[in-house]
Protein backbone atom coordinates (compact mmCIF):
# COMPACT_ATOMS: atom_id res chain seq x y z
CA MET A 1 131.80 128.70 180.42
CA THR A 2 131.70 126.47 177.22
CA ASP A 3 134.34 124.31 176.12
CA THR A 4 134.71 125.89 172.69
CA VAL A 5 135.37 129.48 172.33
CA LYS A 6 132.77 130.85 169.74
CA LEU A 7 135.07 132.64 167.01
CA ALA A 8 132.32 133.09 164.36
CA ALA A 9 130.53 135.48 166.88
CA GLY A 10 130.64 139.06 165.44
CA ARG A 11 130.03 140.48 161.85
CA ALA A 12 130.12 137.70 159.19
CA TYR A 13 131.76 138.08 155.90
CA LEU A 14 130.00 136.71 152.74
CA ALA A 15 133.31 136.28 150.32
CA ILE A 16 130.89 134.68 147.63
CA PRO A 17 130.89 135.79 144.05
CA GLY A 18 127.77 137.58 144.64
CA PRO A 19 125.63 138.86 146.11
CA SER A 20 128.48 140.92 147.23
CA VAL A 21 129.09 142.87 150.57
CA ILE A 22 126.57 146.09 150.45
CA PRO A 23 128.45 149.25 151.65
CA ASP A 24 126.68 150.92 154.70
CA GLN A 25 126.04 154.02 152.68
CA VAL A 26 123.85 151.70 150.19
CA LEU A 27 122.17 150.18 153.31
CA GLN A 28 121.32 153.45 154.87
CA ALA A 29 120.16 154.93 151.55
CA MET A 30 117.61 152.09 151.14
CA HIS A 31 116.39 152.41 154.74
CA ARG A 32 113.69 154.82 154.36
CA PRO A 33 109.84 154.77 154.19
CA SER A 34 108.24 154.05 150.62
CA PRO A 35 108.49 157.38 148.22
CA ASN A 36 105.84 158.86 145.74
CA ILE A 37 106.27 156.58 142.48
CA TYR A 38 104.45 159.33 140.16
CA ALA A 39 106.43 162.60 140.86
CA GLY A 40 108.89 164.41 143.06
CA ALA A 41 112.07 163.37 144.31
CA LEU A 42 112.46 159.64 143.06
CA VAL A 43 111.50 160.81 139.58
CA GLU A 44 114.12 163.24 139.56
CA MET A 45 116.77 160.62 140.92
CA THR A 46 116.02 158.01 138.47
CA HIS A 47 116.72 160.35 135.66
CA GLY A 48 120.01 161.15 136.79
CA LEU A 49 120.96 157.47 137.40
CA VAL A 50 121.14 156.73 133.58
CA PRO A 51 124.06 158.92 132.72
CA ASP A 52 125.92 157.58 135.67
CA LEU A 53 125.13 153.98 134.56
CA LEU A 54 126.18 154.85 130.93
CA ARG A 55 129.80 156.06 132.40
CA VAL A 56 130.41 152.91 134.22
CA ALA A 57 129.64 150.70 131.04
CA ARG A 58 131.66 153.19 129.14
CA THR A 59 129.06 153.84 126.64
CA GLN A 60 127.50 157.19 125.28
CA HIS A 61 124.34 154.82 124.07
CA ASN A 62 121.24 153.63 125.82
CA VAL A 63 120.63 151.47 129.01
CA ALA A 64 117.36 149.82 129.95
CA MET A 65 116.55 148.89 133.53
CA TYR A 66 114.45 145.93 134.73
CA ILE A 67 113.51 144.50 137.66
CA GLY A 68 114.95 141.24 137.45
CA ASN A 69 118.22 139.20 138.06
CA GLY A 70 120.89 138.28 135.58
CA HIS A 71 118.75 135.55 134.04
CA ALA A 72 116.18 138.24 133.25
CA VAL A 73 118.33 140.38 131.31
CA TRP A 74 119.63 137.50 129.58
CA GLU A 75 116.03 136.90 127.98
CA ALA A 76 115.17 140.67 127.78
CA ALA A 77 118.28 141.29 125.48
CA LEU A 78 117.29 138.30 123.21
CA ALA A 79 113.84 139.38 123.13
CA ASN A 80 114.57 142.89 121.34
CA VAL A 81 116.78 141.40 118.81
CA ILE A 82 116.37 137.53 118.43
CA ALA A 83 113.30 136.10 116.70
CA PRO A 84 112.15 132.54 116.65
CA GLY A 85 114.33 130.55 114.17
CA ASP A 86 117.08 132.99 114.50
CA ARG A 87 120.38 131.57 114.85
CA VAL A 88 123.12 132.63 117.79
CA LEU A 89 126.73 131.69 118.31
CA VAL A 90 128.08 130.97 121.55
CA PRO A 91 131.44 130.55 122.56
CA GLY A 92 131.31 128.94 126.02
CA THR A 93 133.42 128.93 128.86
CA SER A 94 131.35 126.83 131.24
CA HIS A 95 128.27 127.31 133.19
CA PHE A 96 127.09 130.75 132.17
CA GLY A 97 127.77 130.70 128.65
CA CYS A 98 125.84 127.39 128.53
CA GLY A 99 123.15 128.93 130.33
CA TRP A 100 122.81 131.80 128.00
CA ALA A 101 122.73 129.34 124.97
CA GLU A 102 119.96 127.59 126.69
CA MET A 103 117.91 130.97 127.33
CA ALA A 104 118.27 131.70 123.49
CA ARG A 105 116.74 128.09 122.55
CA GLY A 106 114.03 129.05 125.29
CA VAL A 107 113.08 131.77 122.96
CA GLY A 108 112.98 130.07 119.96
CA ALA A 109 116.77 130.65 118.53
CA GLU A 110 119.07 127.96 117.41
CA ALA A 111 121.88 128.16 119.46
CA GLU A 112 125.42 126.72 118.19
CA LEU A 113 127.45 126.48 121.53
CA LEU A 114 131.20 126.04 120.98
CA GLU A 115 132.66 124.35 124.33
CA HIS A 116 135.89 125.32 125.63
CA GLY A 117 136.21 123.63 128.94
CA THR A 118 136.60 125.47 132.29
CA HIS A 119 140.28 126.32 132.19
CA ALA A 120 140.86 128.79 129.38
CA ARG A 121 139.41 131.38 126.87
CA TRP A 122 137.76 130.95 123.61
CA ASP A 123 139.59 129.38 120.87
CA LEU A 124 138.74 132.38 118.18
CA GLN A 125 139.78 130.23 115.16
CA GLN A 126 136.46 128.02 116.15
CA VAL A 127 134.42 131.42 116.38
CA ALA A 128 135.94 132.61 113.10
CA HIS A 129 135.25 128.84 111.27
CA SER A 130 131.49 128.98 112.59
CA LEU A 131 131.17 132.96 111.23
CA LYS A 132 132.90 131.94 107.74
CA ALA A 133 130.46 128.89 107.41
CA ASP A 134 127.61 131.35 107.69
CA PRO A 135 127.73 133.32 104.33
CA ASP A 136 123.99 133.76 104.62
CA HIS A 137 124.40 135.61 107.76
CA ARG A 138 121.63 133.55 109.59
CA ILE A 139 123.73 133.95 112.98
CA LYS A 140 122.28 137.25 114.19
CA ALA A 141 124.06 137.37 117.42
CA VAL A 142 127.17 136.27 119.12
CA LEU A 143 126.68 135.72 122.91
CA ALA A 144 129.70 136.00 124.96
CA VAL A 145 130.38 135.90 128.79
CA HIS A 146 133.03 138.27 129.72
CA VAL A 147 133.86 136.77 133.08
CA ASP A 148 132.26 133.25 133.76
CA THR A 149 131.55 133.45 137.36
CA SER A 150 131.80 129.60 137.74
CA THR A 151 135.31 129.16 136.20
CA SER A 152 136.79 132.82 136.86
CA VAL A 153 138.01 132.80 133.09
CA ARG A 154 138.16 136.44 131.92
CA ASN A 155 137.63 136.32 128.09
CA ASP A 156 139.13 139.13 125.56
CA ILE A 157 135.84 140.86 124.11
CA ALA A 158 138.00 143.09 121.83
CA GLU A 159 139.55 140.02 120.24
CA LEU A 160 136.24 138.73 119.65
CA ARG A 161 135.26 142.06 118.07
CA ALA A 162 138.23 141.85 115.96
CA VAL A 163 137.27 138.70 114.49
CA LEU A 164 133.91 139.43 113.75
CA ASP A 165 135.01 142.74 111.98
CA GLU A 166 137.75 140.53 109.96
CA MET A 167 135.02 138.02 108.92
CA LYS A 168 132.83 141.08 107.98
CA HIS A 169 129.84 139.39 109.80
CA PRO A 170 127.09 141.77 110.64
CA ALA A 171 125.99 139.53 113.89
CA LEU A 172 125.44 141.74 117.04
CA LEU A 173 127.94 141.23 119.65
CA MET A 174 126.34 140.55 123.00
CA VAL A 175 128.13 140.42 126.43
CA ASP A 176 127.62 139.19 129.56
CA CYS A 177 129.11 141.50 132.22
CA ILE A 178 127.16 140.24 135.22
CA ALA A 179 130.13 139.55 137.01
CA SER A 180 132.67 141.74 135.72
CA LEU A 181 131.18 145.24 135.45
CA GLY A 182 132.69 147.71 137.86
CA CYS A 183 135.36 145.13 138.68
CA ASP A 184 137.19 144.22 135.35
CA ARG A 185 138.21 146.84 132.76
CA PHE A 186 135.20 146.98 130.31
CA GLU A 187 134.93 149.39 127.46
CA MET A 188 131.61 148.98 125.42
CA ASP A 189 132.18 151.67 122.97
CA ALA A 190 135.78 151.35 122.17
CA TRP A 191 135.38 147.39 122.22
CA GLY A 192 132.71 147.53 119.53
CA VAL A 193 130.14 145.90 121.80
CA ASP A 194 126.39 145.75 120.59
CA VAL A 195 124.45 144.83 123.65
CA MET A 196 125.72 144.39 127.34
CA VAL A 197 123.85 142.87 130.19
CA ALA A 198 124.63 143.41 133.91
CA ALA A 199 122.76 143.14 137.42
CA SER A 200 122.97 144.91 140.49
CA GLN A 201 124.24 142.49 143.15
CA LYS A 202 127.90 142.16 141.90
CA GLY A 203 130.03 145.06 141.36
CA LEU A 204 127.38 147.55 141.42
CA MET A 205 127.18 146.46 145.23
CA VAL A 206 123.39 146.78 145.48
CA PRO A 207 120.84 143.63 146.57
CA PRO A 208 119.83 141.52 143.58
CA GLY A 209 116.89 142.54 142.02
CA MET A 210 117.95 144.95 139.54
CA GLY A 211 119.11 144.19 135.91
CA PHE A 212 120.56 146.51 132.92
CA VAL A 213 120.64 145.97 129.14
CA PHE A 214 122.81 148.46 127.67
CA PHE A 215 122.64 148.78 123.49
CA ASN A 216 123.83 150.94 120.76
CA ASP A 217 122.36 152.33 117.75
CA LYS A 218 122.96 149.01 115.59
CA ALA A 219 121.08 146.82 118.35
CA GLU A 220 118.42 149.52 118.35
CA ALA A 221 117.98 149.24 114.61
CA GLN A 222 117.83 145.56 114.82
CA ARG A 223 115.16 145.77 117.41
CA ASN A 224 113.09 148.10 115.00
CA THR A 225 112.81 144.94 112.50
CA MET A 226 111.38 142.74 114.87
CA SER A 227 107.82 142.08 114.10
CA ARG A 228 106.81 141.17 117.82
CA VAL A 229 108.70 142.09 120.95
CA SER A 230 107.45 140.95 124.41
CA ARG A 231 105.55 143.93 126.08
CA TYR A 232 107.45 143.38 129.05
CA TRP A 233 110.94 143.17 127.85
CA ASP A 234 110.60 145.73 125.24
CA TRP A 235 113.41 148.30 125.83
CA GLN A 236 112.32 151.00 123.85
CA PRO A 237 109.79 152.56 126.40
CA ARG A 238 112.27 152.19 129.15
CA VAL A 239 114.75 154.05 127.41
CA HIS A 240 112.26 156.61 125.61
CA PRO A 241 109.74 156.90 128.29
CA GLU A 242 106.72 159.37 127.78
CA TYR A 243 105.80 158.66 131.56
CA TYR A 244 107.89 157.83 134.60
CA TYR A 245 106.17 154.17 135.02
CA GLN A 246 107.66 153.22 131.70
CA TYR A 247 111.03 152.92 132.88
CA PHE A 248 110.00 149.81 134.66
CA ASN A 249 106.75 148.87 132.74
CA GLY A 250 105.07 149.31 136.15
CA THR A 251 105.90 150.16 139.51
CA ALA A 252 109.51 151.07 140.17
CA PRO A 253 111.98 149.14 142.24
CA THR A 254 111.97 152.02 144.57
CA HIS A 255 114.65 151.17 147.24
CA HIS A 256 116.61 149.75 144.83
CA LEU A 257 117.09 152.89 143.07
CA TYR A 258 118.10 154.70 146.23
CA GLY A 259 120.70 152.07 146.68
CA LEU A 260 121.91 152.37 143.33
CA ARG A 261 122.20 156.08 143.58
CA ALA A 262 124.60 155.80 146.62
CA ALA A 263 126.53 152.92 144.85
CA LEU A 264 127.13 154.85 141.70
CA ASP A 265 128.15 157.77 144.07
CA LEU A 266 130.79 155.57 145.51
CA ILE A 267 132.09 154.17 142.15
CA HIS A 268 132.51 157.76 140.76
CA ASP A 269 133.93 159.36 143.94
CA GLU A 270 136.69 156.89 143.76
CA GLY A 271 137.04 156.92 139.93
CA LEU A 272 136.21 153.76 137.67
CA GLU A 273 140.07 153.42 136.79
CA ASN A 274 140.91 153.54 140.37
CA VAL A 275 137.87 150.94 140.84
CA TRP A 276 139.52 148.70 138.38
CA ALA A 277 142.90 149.13 139.79
CA ARG A 278 141.97 148.18 143.30
CA HIS A 279 140.39 144.94 142.10
CA GLN A 280 143.55 144.32 140.12
CA ARG A 281 145.79 144.60 143.13
CA LEU A 282 143.47 142.66 145.61
CA ALA A 283 143.21 140.02 143.00
CA GLN A 284 146.99 139.70 142.93
CA ALA A 285 147.36 139.21 146.23
CA ILE A 286 144.97 136.66 146.35
CA TRP A 287 146.48 134.68 143.36
CA THR A 288 149.94 135.06 145.02
CA ALA A 289 148.37 133.33 148.43
CA CYS A 290 146.86 130.56 146.33
CA GLU A 291 150.00 129.89 144.06
CA LEU A 292 151.85 129.42 147.56
CA TRP A 293 149.28 127.25 149.05
CA GLU A 294 149.32 124.96 146.02
CA GLN A 295 153.24 124.24 146.64
CA GLY A 296 152.30 122.03 149.63
CA GLY A 297 151.86 118.97 147.82
CA GLY A 298 147.96 118.93 148.56
CA PRO A 299 145.16 118.94 146.39
CA LEU A 300 144.55 122.72 146.12
CA ARG A 301 145.03 124.56 142.97
CA LEU A 302 143.64 127.49 141.18
CA ASN A 303 141.10 126.93 138.28
CA VAL A 304 143.00 129.17 135.74
CA THR A 305 146.78 128.78 135.60
CA ASP A 306 147.65 131.81 133.45
CA PRO A 307 147.09 135.19 135.21
CA ASP A 308 146.55 136.92 132.10
CA LEU A 309 143.16 134.73 131.82
CA ARG A 310 141.85 135.23 135.36
CA SER A 311 139.18 137.53 136.51
CA HIS A 312 139.76 140.54 138.96
CA ALA A 313 136.53 139.74 140.60
CA VAL A 314 136.33 136.28 141.32
CA THR A 315 138.69 133.34 141.73
CA SER A 316 137.91 129.50 141.17
CA LEU A 317 139.77 126.60 142.93
CA HIS A 318 140.02 123.16 142.86
CA ILE A 319 140.83 121.06 146.29
CA GLY A 320 139.15 117.85 145.88
CA SER A 321 136.01 116.25 147.13
CA PRO A 322 135.00 116.58 150.18
CA ASP A 323 137.45 119.20 151.08
CA GLY A 324 135.97 121.79 149.30
CA THR A 325 132.68 121.31 151.49
CA ARG A 326 134.65 120.60 154.61
CA LEU A 327 136.42 123.62 154.29
CA ARG A 328 133.47 125.98 153.62
CA ASP A 329 131.40 124.66 156.44
CA TRP A 330 134.32 124.78 158.95
CA LEU A 331 134.97 128.40 157.83
CA GLU A 332 131.26 129.59 158.03
CA GLN A 333 130.92 127.51 161.49
CA ASN A 334 134.00 128.73 163.23
CA LEU A 335 135.05 132.10 161.74
CA GLY A 336 131.88 133.38 160.15
CA LEU A 337 133.59 133.43 156.67
CA THR A 338 131.56 132.37 153.73
CA LEU A 339 133.09 130.98 150.59
CA GLY A 340 131.18 130.39 147.12
CA ILE A 341 130.35 126.86 146.11
CA GLY A 342 131.76 125.46 142.95
CA LEU A 343 129.38 125.64 139.78
CA GLY A 344 129.81 123.87 136.55
CA MET A 345 133.33 122.51 137.16
CA ALA A 346 132.76 118.71 137.41
CA PRO A 347 133.59 116.72 134.42
CA SER A 348 129.94 115.28 134.37
CA ASP A 349 126.36 116.90 134.06
CA THR A 350 125.81 116.48 137.79
CA PRO A 351 127.21 119.35 139.75
CA ASP A 352 129.91 118.31 142.21
CA TRP A 353 130.55 121.40 144.44
CA HIS A 354 132.21 119.20 147.04
CA GLY A 355 135.69 119.67 145.64
CA TYR A 356 135.53 123.29 144.54
CA PHE A 357 135.36 126.58 146.10
CA ARG A 358 135.13 130.30 144.74
CA LEU A 359 136.22 133.52 146.38
CA GLY A 360 134.47 136.66 145.40
CA HIS A 361 136.51 139.81 145.57
CA MET A 362 134.17 141.98 143.97
CA GLY A 363 132.48 145.56 144.59
CA HIS A 364 132.92 146.78 148.04
CA VAL A 365 136.08 145.22 149.20
CA ASN A 366 139.45 146.27 150.60
CA GLY A 367 142.77 145.34 151.62
CA GLN A 368 142.17 144.29 155.28
CA MET A 369 138.87 142.36 153.98
CA VAL A 370 141.06 140.45 151.60
CA MET A 371 143.75 139.86 153.94
CA GLY A 372 141.13 138.64 156.69
CA MET A 373 139.56 136.06 153.95
CA LEU A 374 143.10 134.66 153.16
CA GLY A 375 143.97 134.29 156.63
CA GLY A 376 140.54 132.69 157.53
CA ILE A 377 141.09 130.30 154.84
CA GLU A 378 144.74 129.35 156.20
CA THR A 379 143.21 128.58 159.40
CA GLY A 380 140.93 126.40 158.14
CA LEU A 381 143.49 124.58 155.95
CA GLN A 382 145.58 124.06 159.28
CA ALA A 383 142.33 123.05 161.26
CA LEU A 384 141.37 120.44 158.79
CA GLN A 385 144.93 119.16 158.33
CA ILE A 386 144.78 120.03 154.47
CA PRO A 387 148.19 119.85 153.15
CA HIS A 388 149.16 123.24 151.67
CA GLY A 389 152.33 125.52 151.39
CA SER A 390 153.47 127.92 153.76
CA GLY A 391 153.93 131.72 153.67
CA ALA A 392 151.03 132.42 151.90
CA VAL A 393 149.39 135.27 154.01
CA GLU A 394 152.83 136.84 154.19
CA ALA A 395 153.37 136.98 150.57
CA ALA A 396 149.80 138.68 149.94
CA ALA A 397 150.58 141.40 152.53
CA ARG A 398 153.88 141.93 150.46
CA VAL A 399 151.73 142.40 147.27
CA LEU A 400 149.54 144.87 149.13
CA ALA A 401 152.19 146.53 150.88
CA ALA A 402 154.25 147.25 147.56
CA ARG A 403 154.10 150.89 146.08
């Protein structure tokens, strides 16, 4: 008999902000032999994915599917509407806003980055000032991250569109919904978004490997003015295919498509409004627990103090170096619970994830999973003697028990 009981035995829980937990239905759908990629059931199934993807994005326009991650569709979106020498405006909220700006520079654009730190939404007055200073409309697009996965800040896309409209600026509004699609409310058409990018591995509950670019008629018109678009990234043949292979410019991601079909069925069977409401309630339980942990005189604190600015898909916390890494390591080794590292939160250019951790609560997540995660974190705080307030798990339970 060993001296230490192995409490991490059993099914591990990956509570990072993507890749998210994969539903059994998705795994089972993917567990099959390779299909015919030229005709038959796969072709018909792929046609049916398009309207259901559009329903999740709340748009009646177009979606192009790519084999790639979120960074791939950053570039795909830019390649269709931004030419070398064009300017883009990027109101940044840390890691991923800066990343999209760098991607734009990589395709030859000039990127004006408006930094807003790691705790707050954009200053829309700054955005308006930059648009006003562009009377010749050299700015061709505003690149906006709906939820920055590093900070858990949730930005207001509708307000940003209102600024563009007020300034009568024709720039495309391009939005990164990689962390938020299927988790936080997003209304592509109602909010006036021209281009939106998403990926398979978060709210869509499919393994990493597929990305999506949604775009409207205004963006398609911009694409048609481009003198050159990369043959691979070009969205035109993907949304207007004469032959099946044009959906993906080559071999289809066959098993991802089966998984995506099962995931979209789960979303629409639950109802998208209900999916959003579930994420909101689970997030409120998590925030309630974290706010009580903060009251114990220790270093732990939520990165975003205002609940109205927080994502319902991810929560970022500061706990001080090296306790972030100590806590993550202890939970993974002793309880089988894996939390996300911090990204882009350090004051310097050098990543310092030792003082931060992130909780992913996106996609295939329910109440017992969240309560298990919170109970696990409290166990780790106690085991490592990290000061924290009491009653957090009980308070979270009251949030979920309320009708």
